[in-house]
Amino acid sequence: MPEVKVYKPLSIDEERIAKIIVNSAYKVHRNLGPGLLEKIYEIALQHELI
C-alpha cells in the first residue's frame, strides 16, 4: 500500500492568493468559454490578475 503524504496547512496569505488565482481563472473561463487556444487564456488570466 502506498504511503500517504501529509501536507502542512496553507498560511492565511497562501489561501488568499490561491483564492484570487482560482476565482480569476474561473472568471476568464466563464467569460471566454471553452475551445480557445491556451495562449488566449494565459493572456486573459494575466490581464485579470493585474
Protein backbone atom coordinates (compact mmCIF):
# COMPACT_ATOMS: atom_id res chain seq x y z
CA MET A 1 0.00 0.00 0.00
CA PRO A 2 1.49 3.43 -0.95
CA GLU A 3 2.42 5.83 1.82
CA VAL A 4 0.04 8.76 2.29
CA LYS A 5 1.76 12.15 2.17
CA VAL A 6 0.76 14.64 4.82
CA TYR A 7 1.00 18.30 3.87
CA LYS A 8 1.08 21.23 6.25
CA PRO A 9 -1.90 23.59 6.06
CA LEU A 10 -1.59 26.70 3.89
CA SER A 11 -0.93 30.01 5.56
CA ILE A 12 -3.59 32.71 5.51
CA ASP A 13 -1.64 34.59 2.82
CA GLU A 14 -1.28 31.44 0.67
CA GLU A 15 -5.02 30.79 0.99
CA ARG A 16 -5.81 34.39 -0.01
CA ILE A 17 -3.51 34.26 -3.05
CA ALA A 18 -4.84 30.84 -4.13
CA LYS A 19 -8.42 32.12 -3.88
CA ILE A 20 -7.58 35.15 -6.06
CA ILE A 21 -5.96 32.92 -8.70
CA VAL A 22 -8.76 30.35 -8.81
CA ASN A 23 -11.50 32.99 -8.90
CA SER A 24 -9.70 34.86 -11.70
CA ALA A 25 -9.23 31.67 -13.73
CA TYR A 26 -12.91 30.83 -13.29
CA LYS A 27 -13.94 34.33 -14.37
CA VAL A 28 -11.76 34.15 -17.50
CA HIS A 29 -13.11 30.73 -18.49
CA ARG A 30 -16.72 31.79 -17.80
CA ASN A 31 -16.34 34.91 -19.96
CA LEU A 32 -14.38 33.36 -22.84
CA GLY A 33 -15.88 29.87 -22.83
CA PRO A 34 -14.21 26.65 -23.94
CA GLY A 35 -12.32 25.89 -27.12
CA LEU A 36 -9.76 28.68 -27.43
CA LEU A 37 -6.02 28.26 -27.65
CA GLU A 38 -4.29 28.01 -24.27
CA LYS A 39 -2.29 31.16 -25.02
CA ILE A 40 -5.52 33.18 -25.17
CA TYR A 41 -6.48 32.00 -21.68
CA GLU A 42 -2.95 32.76 -20.41
CA ILE A 43 -3.11 36.33 -21.71
CA ALA A 44 -6.62 36.85 -20.34
CA LEU A 45 -5.61 35.48 -16.92
CA GLN A 46 -2.56 37.73 -16.83
CA HIS A 47 -4.78 40.70 -17.63
CA GLU A 48 -7.30 39.67 -14.95
CA LEU A 49 -4.57 39.35 -12.29
CA ILE A 50 -3.06 42.80 -12.95
